C-alpha atoms as a PDB file:
ATOM      1  CA  MET A   1       0.965 -26.486 -15.986  1.00  0.00           C
ATOM      2  CA  THR A   2       1.220 -28.864 -18.821  1.00  0.00           C
ATOM      3  CA  ASN A   3       1.748 -29.109 -22.520  1.00  0.00           C
ATOM      4  CA  CYS A   4       0.249 -32.612 -22.879  1.00  0.00           C
ATOM      5  CA  LYS A   5      -3.376 -32.782 -24.333  1.00  0.00           C
ATOM      6  CA  ASP A   6      -3.964 -36.167 -22.761  1.00  0.00           C
ATOM      7  CA  THR A   7      -3.085 -34.932 -19.190  1.00  0.00           C
ATOM      8  CA  GLU A   8      -4.869 -31.702 -19.756  1.00  0.00           C
ATOM      9  CA  GLU A   9      -8.118 -33.553 -20.861  1.00  0.00           C
ATOM     10  CA  LYS A  10      -7.771 -35.995 -17.915  1.00  0.00           C
ATOM     11  CA  TYR A  11      -7.397 -33.281 -15.171  1.00  0.00           C
ATOM     12  CA  LYS A  12      -9.148 -30.244 -16.570  1.00  0.00           C
ATOM     13  CA  ASN A  13     -11.958 -30.757 -14.225  1.00  0.00           C
ATOM     14  CA  ARG A  14      -9.814 -31.183 -11.098  1.00  0.00           C
ATOM     15  CA  PHE A  15      -7.249 -28.421 -11.638  1.00  0.00           C
ATOM     16  CA  LYS A  16      -7.027 -25.206 -13.311  1.00  0.00           C
ATOM     17  CA  ILE A  17      -4.897 -25.550 -16.375  1.00  0.00           C
ATOM     18  CA  ILE A  18      -2.420 -22.766 -16.983  1.00  0.00           C
ATOM     19  CA  SER A  19      -0.811 -21.811 -20.309  1.00  0.00           C
ATOM     20  CA  GLU A  20       2.841 -22.968 -20.357  1.00  0.00           C
ATOM     21  CA  SER A  21       3.576 -19.636 -22.319  1.00  0.00           C
ATOM     22  CA  LYS A  22       3.093 -17.654 -19.216  1.00  0.00           C
ATOM     23  CA  LYS A  23       6.238 -16.172 -17.496  1.00  0.00           C
ATOM     24  CA  LEU A  24       6.870 -16.851 -13.973  1.00  0.00           C
ATOM     25  CA  ASP A  25       6.312 -13.037 -12.883  1.00  0.00           C
ATOM     26  CA  GLU A  26       3.171 -12.857 -14.899  1.00  0.00           C
ATOM     27  CA  LEU A  27       1.847 -16.097 -13.483  1.00  0.00           C
ATOM     28  CA  PHE A  28       2.386 -14.901  -9.800  1.00  0.00           C
ATOM     29  CA  ARG A  29       0.845 -11.504 -10.660  1.00  0.00           C
ATOM     30  CA  GLU A  30      -2.313 -12.536 -12.312  1.00  0.00           C
ATOM     31  CA  GLU A  31      -3.255 -15.999 -10.953  1.00  0.00           C
ATOM     32  CA  THR A  32      -4.163 -16.980  -7.408  1.00  0.00           C
ATOM     33  CA  ILE A  33      -2.069 -20.060  -6.755  1.00  0.00           C
ATOM     34  CA  ASP A  34      -2.117 -22.191  -3.780  1.00  0.00           C
ATOM     35  CA  GLU A  35       0.051 -24.990  -5.328  1.00  0.00           C
ATOM     36  CA  LEU A  36       1.643 -25.419  -8.717  1.00  0.00           C
ATOM     37  CA  ILE A  37       1.908 -28.806 -10.467  1.00  0.00           C
ATOM     38  CA  TYR A  38       4.326 -28.927 -13.324  1.00  0.00           C
ATOM     39  CA  CYS A  39       3.600 -31.930 -15.720  1.00  0.00           C
ATOM     40  CA  LYS A  40       5.035 -31.684 -19.267  1.00  0.00           C
ATOM     41  CA  ALA A  41       5.698 -34.386 -21.782  1.00  0.00           C
ATOM     42  CA  LYS A  42       9.493 -33.699 -21.433  1.00  0.00           C
ATOM     43  CA  ASN A  43      10.915 -32.207 -18.427  1.00  0.00           C
ATOM     44  CA  ASN A  44      13.278 -29.250 -18.760  1.00  0.00           C
ATOM     45  CA  GLN A  45      15.515 -29.396 -15.709  1.00  0.00           C
ATOM     46  CA  HIS A  46      16.654 -25.708 -15.858  1.00  0.00           C
ATOM     47  CA  GLU A  47      12.972 -24.694 -16.034  1.00  0.00           C
ATOM     48  CA  ILE A  48      12.188 -27.015 -13.211  1.00  0.00           C
ATOM     49  CA  ARG A  49      14.916 -25.480 -11.014  1.00  0.00           C
ATOM     50  CA  ASN A  50      13.739 -22.016 -11.731  1.00  0.00           C
ATOM     51  CA  TYR A  51      10.106 -22.957 -10.763  1.00  0.00           C
ATOM     52  CA  ILE A  52      11.368 -24.668  -7.393  1.00  0.00           C
ATOM     53  CA  SER A  53      13.396 -21.357  -6.608  1.00  0.00           C
ATOM     54  CA  ASN A  54      10.802 -19.088  -7.490  1.00  0.00           C
ATOM     55  CA  CYS A  55       7.826 -21.086  -5.833  1.00  0.00           C
ATOM     56  CA  ALA A  56       9.926 -21.511  -2.594  1.00  0.00           C
ATOM     57  CA  GLU A  57      10.565 -17.626  -2.588  1.00  0.00           C
ATOM     58  CA  VAL A  58       6.823 -16.758  -2.612  1.00  0.00           C
ATOM     59  CA  GLY A  59       5.723 -19.615  -0.356  1.00  0.00           C
ATOM     60  CA  ILE A  60       3.711 -21.678  -3.064  1.00  0.00           C
ATOM     61  CA  SER A  61       4.201 -25.431  -2.860  1.00  0.00           C
ATOM     62  CA  PHE A  62       5.613 -26.899  -6.224  1.00  0.00           C
ATOM     63  CA  HIS A  63       5.021 -30.505  -7.584  1.00  0.00           C
ATOM     64  CA  HIS A  64       6.344 -31.852 -10.774  1.00  0.00           C
ATOM     65  CA  PHE A  65       6.458 -35.037 -12.470  1.00  0.00           C
ATOM     66  CA  ASN A  66       9.895 -36.413 -12.135  1.00  0.00           C
ATOM     67  CA  GLU A  67      11.003 -39.214  -9.639  1.00  0.00           C
ATOM     68  CA  THR A  68      14.778 -38.332  -9.908  1.00  0.00           C
ATOM     69  CA  ALA A  69      14.403 -34.647  -8.464  1.00  0.00           C
ATOM     70  CA  GLN A  70      16.652 -33.462  -5.601  1.00  0.00           C
ATOM     71  CA  SER A  71      17.763 -30.353  -3.931  1.00  0.00           C
ATOM     72  CA  GLU A  72      20.183 -28.725  -6.417  1.00  0.00           C
ATOM     73  CA  ASN A  73      22.215 -25.605  -6.538  1.00  0.00           C
ATOM     74  CA  GLY A  74      21.414 -24.748  -3.079  1.00  0.00           C
ATOM     75  CA  ILE A  75      17.682 -24.791  -3.597  1.00  0.00           C
ATOM     76  CA  GLN A  76      16.118 -25.939  -0.405  1.00  0.00           C
ATOM     77  CA  SER A  77      12.489 -26.561   0.687  1.00  0.00           C
ATOM     78  CA  LYS A  78      10.534 -27.108   3.909  1.00  0.00           C
ATOM     79  CA  LEU A  79       9.988 -30.726   2.848  1.00  0.00           C
ATOM     80  CA  LEU A  80      10.782 -32.793  -0.160  1.00  0.00           C
ATOM     81  CA  SER A  81       8.654 -35.755  -0.586  1.00  0.00           C
ATOM     82  CA  PHE A  82       6.864 -38.106  -3.035  1.00  0.00           C
ATOM     83  CA  ARG A  83       3.084 -38.223  -3.277  1.00  0.00           C
ATOM     84  CA  LEU A  84       0.228 -39.269  -5.428  1.00  0.00           C
ATOM     85  CA  ILE A  85      -2.388 -36.646  -6.491  1.00  0.00           C
ATOM     86  CA  ASP A  86      -5.334 -38.107  -8.319  1.00  0.00           C
ATOM     87  CA  GLN A  87      -3.001 -41.143  -9.245  1.00  0.00           C
ATOM     88  CA  LEU A  88      -0.355 -38.713 -10.717  1.00  0.00           C
ATOM     89  CA  PRO A  89       2.972 -39.410  -8.965  1.00  0.00           C
ATOM     90  CA  LEU A  90       4.691 -36.266  -8.207  1.00  0.00           C
ATOM     91  CA  VAL A  91       7.574 -34.781  -6.331  1.00  0.00           C
ATOM     92  CA  THR A  92       6.537 -32.434  -3.953  1.00  0.00           C
ATOM     93  CA  TYR A  93       8.414 -29.222  -2.617  1.00  0.00           C
ATOM     94  CA  LYS A  94       6.619 -27.964   0.459  1.00  0.00           C
ATOM     95  CA  ASN A  95       7.085 -24.422   1.173  1.00  0.00           C
ATOM     96  CA  THR A  96       4.571 -23.688   3.792  1.00  0.00           C
ATOM     97  CA  PRO A  97       4.134 -25.329   7.439  1.00  0.00           C
ATOM     98  CA  ASP A  98       3.634 -28.971   6.708  1.00  0.00           C
ATOM     99  CA  ASN A  99       1.666 -29.921  10.061  1.00  0.00           C
ATOM    100  CA  TYR A 100      -1.716 -31.154   8.723  1.00  0.00           C
ATOM    101  CA  LEU A 101      -3.365 -31.941  12.170  1.00  0.00           C
ATOM    102  CA  GLY A 102      -1.823 -28.601  13.787  1.00  0.00           C
ATOM    103  CA  LEU A 103      -3.215 -26.534  10.836  1.00  0.00           C
ATOM    104  CA  LYS A 104      -6.663 -28.193  11.064  1.00  0.00           C
ATOM    105  CA  MET A 105      -6.548 -27.321  14.865  1.00  0.00           C
ATOM    106  CA  LYS A 106      -5.707 -23.891  14.001  1.00  0.00           C
ATOM    107  CA  ILE A 107      -8.847 -23.645  11.869  1.00  0.00           C
ATOM    108  CA  ALA A 108     -11.015 -25.146  14.553  1.00  0.00           C
ATOM    109  CA  PHE A 109      -9.628 -22.766  17.120  1.00  0.00           C
ATOM    110  CA  ASP A 110     -10.149 -19.711  14.723  1.00  0.00           C
ATOM    111  CA  PHE A 111     -13.867 -20.574  14.447  1.00  0.00           C
ATOM    112  CA  LEU A 112     -14.563 -21.491  17.957  1.00  0.00           C
ATOM    113  CA  PHE A 113     -12.564 -18.437  19.292  1.00  0.00           C
ATOM    114  CA  SER A 114     -14.058 -15.952  16.927  1.00  0.00           C
ATOM    115  CA  PHE A 115     -17.751 -17.240  17.571  1.00  0.00           C
ATOM    116  CA  THR A 116     -17.177 -16.994  21.285  1.00  0.00           C
ATOM    117  CA  VAL A 117     -15.923 -13.403  20.954  1.00  0.00           C
ATOM    118  CA  ILE A 118     -18.547 -12.273  18.921  1.00  0.00           C
ATOM    119  CA  ILE A 119     -21.359 -13.798  21.304  1.00  0.00           C
ATOM    120  CA  LEU A 120     -19.675 -12.614  24.384  1.00  0.00           C
ATOM    121  CA  GLY A 121     -18.338  -9.386  23.090  1.00  0.00           C
ATOM    122  CA  PHE A 122     -21.675  -8.199  21.548  1.00  0.00           C
ATOM    123  CA  PRO A 123     -22.501  -5.673  24.148  1.00  0.00           C
ATOM    124  CA  ILE A 124     -19.170  -4.239  23.610  1.00  0.00           C
ATOM    125  CA  PHE A 125     -19.733  -4.139  19.835  1.00  0.00           C
ATOM    126  CA  LEU A 126     -22.973  -2.140  20.665  1.00  0.00           C
ATOM    127  CA  MET A 127     -21.205   0.198  22.818  1.00  0.00           C
ATOM    128  CA  ILE A 128     -18.565   1.034  20.339  1.00  0.00           C
ATOM    129  CA  ALA A 129     -21.015   1.657  17.647  1.00  0.00           C
ATOM    130  CA  PHE A 130     -23.081   3.921  19.994  1.00  0.00           C
ATOM    131  CA  ALA A 131     -19.882   5.823  20.862  1.00  0.00           C
ATOM    132  CA  ILE A 132     -18.816   6.226  17.162  1.00  0.00           C
ATOM    133  CA  GLN A 133     -22.296   7.507  16.223  1.00  0.00           C
ATOM    134  CA  LEU A 134     -22.418   9.915  19.236  1.00  0.00           C
ATOM    135  CA  GLU A 135     -19.031  11.566  17.966  1.00  0.00           C
ATOM    136  CA  GLY A 136     -20.344  12.449  14.495  1.00  0.00           C
ATOM    137  CA  SER A 137     -22.565  10.998  11.495  1.00  0.00           C
ATOM    138  CA  GLY A 138     -20.989   8.447   9.327  1.00  0.00           C
ATOM    139  CA  PRO A 139     -20.901   4.604   9.070  1.00  0.00           C
ATOM    140  CA  VAL A 140     -19.914   2.528  12.216  1.00  0.00           C
ATOM    141  CA  PHE A 141     -17.768   0.081  10.067  1.00  0.00           C
ATOM    142  CA  PHE A 142     -14.948   0.781   7.822  1.00  0.00           C
ATOM    143  CA  LYS A 143     -14.517  -1.672   4.937  1.00  0.00           C
ATOM    144  CA  GLN A 144     -11.441  -1.806   2.908  1.00  0.00           C
ATOM    145  CA  GLU A 145     -10.053  -4.202   0.159  1.00  0.00           C
ATOM    146  CA  ARG A 146      -7.157  -6.255   1.391  1.00  0.00           C
ATOM    147  CA  ILE A 147      -5.096  -9.026   0.095  1.00  0.00           C
ATOM    148  CA  GLY A 148      -5.319 -12.477   1.790  1.00  0.00           C
ATOM    149  CA  LEU A 149      -3.851 -16.049   1.488  1.00  0.00           C
ATOM    150  CA  ASN A 150      -2.018 -16.233  -2.017  1.00  0.00           C
ATOM    151  CA  GLY A 151      -3.229 -12.948  -3.244  1.00  0.00           C
ATOM    152  CA  ARG A 152      -7.140 -13.483  -2.707  1.00  0.00           C
ATOM    153  CA  ARG A 153      -8.896 -10.373  -2.447  1.00  0.00           C
ATOM    154  CA  PHE A 154     -11.524  -9.790   0.362  1.00  0.00           C
ATOM    155  CA  LEU A 155     -13.318  -6.982   2.284  1.00  0.00           C
ATOM    156  CA  CYS A 156     -11.621  -6.414   5.665  1.00  0.00           C
ATOM    157  CA  PHE A 157     -13.900  -4.946   8.333  1.00  0.00           C
ATOM    158  CA  LYS A 158     -12.876  -2.563  11.157  1.00  0.00           C
ATOM    159  CA  PHE A 159     -14.892  -0.069  13.254  1.00  0.00           C
ATOM    160  CA  ARG A 160     -14.314   3.281  11.863  1.00  0.00           C
ATOM    161  CA  THR A 161     -11.602   5.389  13.433  1.00  0.00           C
ATOM    162  CA  MET A 162     -11.303   8.182  11.060  1.00  0.00           C
ATOM    163  CA  ALA A 163     -13.348  11.155   9.985  1.00  0.00           C
ATOM    164  CA  VAL A 164     -15.381  10.341   6.966  1.00  0.00           C
ATOM    165  CA  GLY A 165     -13.650  11.013   3.768  1.00  0.00           C
ATOM    166  CA  SER A 166     -10.199  10.620   5.402  1.00  0.00           C
ATOM    167  CA  GLU A 167      -8.797   8.267   2.551  1.00  0.00           C
ATOM    168  CA  ALA A 168      -9.011  11.116  -0.006  1.00  0.00           C
ATOM    169  CA  LEU A 169      -6.587  13.271   2.369  1.00  0.00           C
ATOM    170  CA  GLN A 170      -3.895  10.708   2.513  1.00  0.00           C
ATOM    171  CA  ALA A 171      -2.005  12.091  -0.553  1.00  0.00           C
ATOM    172  CA  SER A 172      -1.743  15.504   1.267  1.00  0.00           C
ATOM    173  CA  LEU A 173      -0.080  13.876   4.166  1.00  0.00           C
ATOM    174  CA  LEU A 174       2.282  11.700   2.501  1.00  0.00           C
ATOM    175  CA  GLY A 175       5.242  14.063   3.614  1.00  0.00           C
ATOM    176  CA  GLN A 176       4.562  13.060   7.291  1.00  0.00           C
ATOM    177  CA  ASN A 177       4.676   9.310   6.788  1.00  0.00           C
ATOM    178  CA  GLU A 178       6.987   7.684   9.466  1.00  0.00           C
ATOM    179  CA  GLN A 179       7.237   4.240   7.864  1.00  0.00           C
ATOM    180  CA  ASP A 180       9.548   3.214   5.124  1.00  0.00           C
ATOM    181  CA  GLY A 181       8.452   0.891   2.252  1.00  0.00           C
ATOM    182  CA  PRO A 182       5.049   0.866   0.752  1.00  0.00           C
ATOM    183  CA  VAL A 183       3.255   1.404   4.028  1.00  0.00           C
ATOM    184  CA  PHE A 184       1.823   4.599   5.126  1.00  0.00           C
ATOM    185  CA  LYS A 185       1.936   5.421   8.874  1.00  0.00           C
ATOM    186  CA  ILE A 186       1.634   8.423  11.106  1.00  0.00           C
ATOM    187  CA  ALA A 187       1.805   8.312  14.733  1.00  0.00           C
ATOM    188  CA  ASN A 188      -0.551  11.145  15.449  1.00  0.00           C
ATOM    189  CA  ASP A 189      -2.717  10.977  12.426  1.00  0.00           C
ATOM    190  CA  PRO A 190      -4.943  14.180  12.335  1.00  0.00           C
ATOM    191  CA  ARG A 191      -7.713  12.167  10.525  1.00  0.00           C
ATOM    192  CA  VAL A 192      -8.225   9.893  13.710  1.00  0.00           C
ATOM    193  CA  THR A 193     -11.172  10.710  15.773  1.00  0.00           C
ATOM    194  CA  ARG A 194     -11.129  10.879  19.607  1.00  0.00           C
ATOM    195  CA  ILE A 195     -12.937   7.619  19.953  1.00  0.00           C
ATOM    196  CA  GLY A 196     -10.780   6.173  17.264  1.00  0.00           C
ATOM    197  CA  ARG A 197      -7.657   6.907  19.174  1.00  0.00           C
ATOM    198  CA  PHE A 198      -9.098   4.872  22.027  1.00  0.00           C
ATOM    199  CA  LEU A 199     -10.099   2.094  19.781  1.00  0.00           C
ATOM    200  CA  ARG A 200      -6.621   2.078  18.075  1.00  0.00           C
ATOM    201  CA  LYS A 201      -4.829   2.217  21.478  1.00  0.00           C
ATOM    202  CA  THR A 202      -6.919  -0.822  22.705  1.00  0.00           C
ATOM    203  CA  SER A 203      -6.955  -2.619  19.328  1.00  0.00           C
ATOM    204  CA  LEU A 204     -10.803  -2.818  19.666  1.00  0.00           C
ATOM    205  CA  ASP A 205     -11.171  -1.351  16.146  1.00  0.00           C
ATOM    206  CA  GLU A 206     -10.128  -4.878  14.943  1.00  0.00           C
ATOM    207  CA  LEU A 207     -13.091  -6.721  16.466  1.00  0.00           C
ATOM    208  CA  PRO A 208     -15.094  -6.854  13.399  1.00  0.00           C
ATOM    209  CA  GLN A 209     -12.421  -8.787  11.674  1.00  0.00           C
ATOM    210  CA  PHE A 210     -13.576 -11.965  13.786  1.00  0.00           C
ATOM    211  CA  VAL A 211     -16.425 -11.884  11.202  1.00  0.00           C
ATOM    212  CA  ASN A 212     -13.769 -12.063   8.396  1.00  0.00           C
ATOM    213  CA  ILE A 213     -12.263 -15.278  10.218  1.00  0.00           C
ATOM    214  CA  LEU A 214     -15.739 -16.899  10.307  1.00  0.00           C
ATOM    215  CA  ARG A 215     -16.093 -16.234   6.545  1.00  0.00           C
ATOM    216  CA  GLY A 216     -12.628 -18.086   6.060  1.00  0.00           C
ATOM    217  CA  GLU A 217     -10.706 -14.927   5.001  1.00  0.00           C
ATOM    218  CA  MET A 218      -8.518 -14.509   7.962  1.00  0.00           C
ATOM    219  CA  SER A 219      -7.049 -16.240  10.966  1.00  0.00           C
ATOM    220  CA  VAL A 220      -6.825 -15.160  14.587  1.00  0.00           C
ATOM    221  CA  VAL A 221      -2.966 -15.122  14.308  1.00  0.00           C
ATOM    222  CA  GLY A 222      -1.046 -14.442  11.142  1.00  0.00           C
ATOM    223  CA  PRO A 223       0.659 -11.778   9.126  1.00  0.00           C
ATOM    224  CA  ARG A 224      -1.563  -8.640   9.187  1.00  0.00           C
ATOM    225  CA  PRO A 225      -3.559  -8.233   5.699  1.00  0.00           C
ATOM    226  CA  PRO A 226      -1.831  -5.703   3.318  1.00  0.00           C
ATOM    227  CA  ILE A 227      -3.728  -3.323   0.862  1.00  0.00           C
ATOM    228  CA  PRO A 228      -3.299  -4.062  -2.958  1.00  0.00           C
ATOM    229  CA  THR A 229      -1.253  -1.049  -3.510  1.00  0.00           C
ATOM    230  CA  GLU A 230       1.292  -2.204  -0.882  1.00  0.00           C
ATOM    231  CA  VAL A 231       1.544  -5.848  -2.573  1.00  0.00           C
ATOM    232  CA  GLU A 232       2.154  -4.308  -5.868  1.00  0.00           C
ATOM    233  CA  LYS A 233       5.339  -2.858  -4.332  1.00  0.00           C
ATOM    234  CA  TYR A 234       6.564  -6.014  -2.731  1.00  0.00           C
ATOM    235  CA  GLU A 235       9.767  -7.442  -3.682  1.00  0.00           C
ATOM    236  CA  GLN A 236       9.416 -11.064  -4.658  1.00  0.00           C
ATOM    237  CA  TRP A 237      10.788 -12.640  -1.479  1.00  0.00           C
ATOM    238  CA  GLN A 238       8.255 -10.374   0.587  1.00  0.00           C
ATOM    239  CA  LYS A 239       5.320 -12.092  -1.259  1.00  0.00           C
ATOM    240  CA  ARG A 240       5.883 -15.157   0.928  1.00  0.00           C
ATOM    241  CA  ARG A 241       4.105 -13.615   3.803  1.00  0.00           C
ATOM    242  CA  LEU A 242       1.001 -14.065   1.754  1.00  0.00           C
ATOM    243  CA  SER A 243       1.320 -17.928   1.866  1.00  0.00           C
ATOM    244  CA  MET A 244      -0.595 -18.089   5.217  1.00  0.00           C
ATOM    245  CA  LYS A 245      -4.017 -16.431   5.986  1.00  0.00           C
ATOM    246  CA  PRO A 246      -3.660 -13.100   7.365  1.00  0.00           C
ATOM    247  CA  GLY A 247      -4.294 -12.576  11.001  1.00  0.00           C
ATOM    248  CA  ILE A 248      -5.912 -10.096  13.508  1.00  0.00           C
ATOM    249  CA  THR A 249      -2.713 -10.117  15.476  1.00  0.00           C
ATOM    250  CA  CYS A 250       0.702 -11.205  14.812  1.00  0.00           C
ATOM    251  CA  THR A 251       4.396 -11.395  16.210  1.00  0.00           C
ATOM    252  CA  TRP A 252       5.431  -7.921  15.831  1.00  0.00           C
ATOM    253  CA  GLN A 253       2.096  -6.311  17.070  1.00  0.00           C
ATOM    254  CA  VAL A 254       2.768  -7.935  20.537  1.00  0.00           C
ATOM    255  CA  SER A 255       6.528  -7.641  20.571  1.00  0.00           C
ATOM    256  CA  ARG A 256       6.124  -3.667  21.068  1.00  0.00           C
ATOM    257  CA  ARG A 257       8.434  -3.348  18.022  1.00  0.00           C
ATOM    258  CA  ASN A 258       6.143  -0.768  16.376  1.00  0.00           C
ATOM    259  CA  ASN A 259       9.143   1.437  15.158  1.00  0.00           C
ATOM    260  CA  ILE A 260      10.906  -1.382  12.950  1.00  0.00           C
ATOM    261  CA  SER A 261      11.651  -0.840   9.415  1.00  0.00           C
ATOM    262  CA  PHE A 262       9.468  -2.472   6.667  1.00  0.00           C
ATOM    263  CA  GLU A 263      12.090  -4.964   5.922  1.00  0.00           C
ATOM    264  CA  GLN A 264      12.324  -6.136   9.611  1.00  0.00           C
ATOM    265  CA  TRP A 265       8.537  -6.396   9.627  1.00  0.00           C
ATOM    266  CA  MET A 266       8.447  -8.514   6.629  1.00  0.00           C
ATOM    267  CA  ARG A 267      11.273 -10.801   8.216  1.00  0.00           C
ATOM    268  CA  LEU A 268       9.272 -11.115  11.410  1.00  0.00           C
ATOM    269  CA  ASP A 269       6.340 -12.366   9.404  1.00  0.00           C
ATOM    270  CA  LEU A 270       8.445 -14.885   7.467  1.00  0.00           C
ATOM    271  CA  GLU A 271      10.097 -16.005  10.708  1.00  0.00           C
ATOM    272  CA  TYR A 272       6.670 -16.670  12.163  1.00  0.00           C
ATOM    273  CA  ILE A 273       5.663 -18.749   9.018  1.00  0.00           C
ATOM    274  CA  ASP A 274       8.868 -20.710   8.998  1.00  0.00           C
ATOM    275  CA  ASN A 275       8.564 -21.519  12.667  1.00  0.00           C
ATOM    276  CA  TRP A 276       4.730 -21.874  12.932  1.00  0.00           C
ATOM    277  CA  SER A 277       3.380 -23.799  15.762  1.00  0.00           C
ATOM    278  CA  LEU A 278       0.006 -23.906  17.459  1.00  0.00           C
ATOM    279  CA  THR A 279       1.824 -23.261  20.856  1.00  0.00           C
ATOM    280  CA  ASN A 280       3.165 -20.153  19.390  1.00  0.00           C
ATOM    281  CA  ASP A 281      -0.186 -19.015  18.113  1.00  0.00           C
ATOM    282  CA  PHE A 282      -1.624 -19.537  21.635  1.00  0.00           C
ATOM    283  CA  LEU A 283       1.210 -17.458  22.997  1.00  0.00           C
ATOM    284  CA  ILE A 284       0.552 -14.562  20.787  1.00  0.00           C
ATOM    285  CA  VAL A 285      -2.987 -14.605  21.448  1.00  0.00           C
ATOM    286  CA  PHE A 286      -2.309 -14.276  25.337  1.00  0.00           C
ATOM    287  CA  LYS A 287       0.040 -11.469  24.583  1.00  0.00           C
ATOM    288  CA  THR A 288      -2.490  -9.760  22.515  1.00  0.00           C
ATOM    289  CA  ILE A 289      -5.138 -10.121  25.337  1.00  0.00           C
ATOM    290  CA  LYS A 290      -2.731  -8.486  27.660  1.00  0.00           C
ATOM    291  CA  THR A 291      -2.038  -5.651  25.265  1.00  0.00           C
ATOM    292  CA  VAL A 292      -5.576  -4.930  25.011  1.00  0.00           C
ATOM    293  CA  ILE A 293      -6.263  -4.872  28.636  1.00  0.00           C
ATOM    294  CA  THR A 294      -3.256  -2.700  29.356  1.00  0.00           C
ATOM    295  CA  ALA A 295      -3.981  -0.435  26.282  1.00  0.00           C
ATOM    296  CA  THR A 296      -0.360  -0.784  24.975  1.00  0.00           C
ATOM    297  CA  GLY A 297      -1.247  -1.051  21.424  1.00  0.00           C
ATOM    298  CA  ARG A 298      -0.652   1.481  18.660  1.00  0.00           C
END
């Protein structure tokens, strides 16, 4: 974000230039932002503090051209540092895990683990597809638009567990919703097929999402990907769960805390992000495998 023509001209091919007239809520709602660089001819300290605070709340790293910046008025960040980006000296407020090597290893693990699961599990894929077709006509896979890293939209794949046309029936079942917040959840959903109940109980319906991982849209471990209508109802602080790639499995899924409130769910996801480590990811994967084997899932 800049109001300096020289800066805009110099960096327009390197960064996306955002109009300074955009308000923060409008900016976060309409743009997909990984990191925000504030570079104006004259720094407005009140405006900068506002950006620092809001970026920290939603999990976006913030940079600004001001060598005298410091944590003010209780504003905290995961990491405050000085760095050069394309020869531009910036103060950086890092609001996501800052373990470069660890995150690269997470990406490598995602690819290798997903590739292995798809290759070794291919016979299981075929058996599940056959069972779904045997129970009734309709597609084997269910595709739904989900929200990923920093608001990116993608098609999430699952094995179909409901009767065809079930999404249209959701409005008539809202009175039975057992989950607070914007999420819809019924323990004994009448739309779920017999094979679908088994797939959900064992979490095998999630297997096609390993394709999403190979496409770079998801990770093995991370907050579950929400649907757009849920994100529209998020409070500002809840949007920070979008600051890491969504995962097939996460903390609350393996902790057997399926009846927690929506706010507790969000806080568990933020706790995972704030305390992220590769060791914790491996532990969650191990617990997930145990959950699948013992069929103690949903």
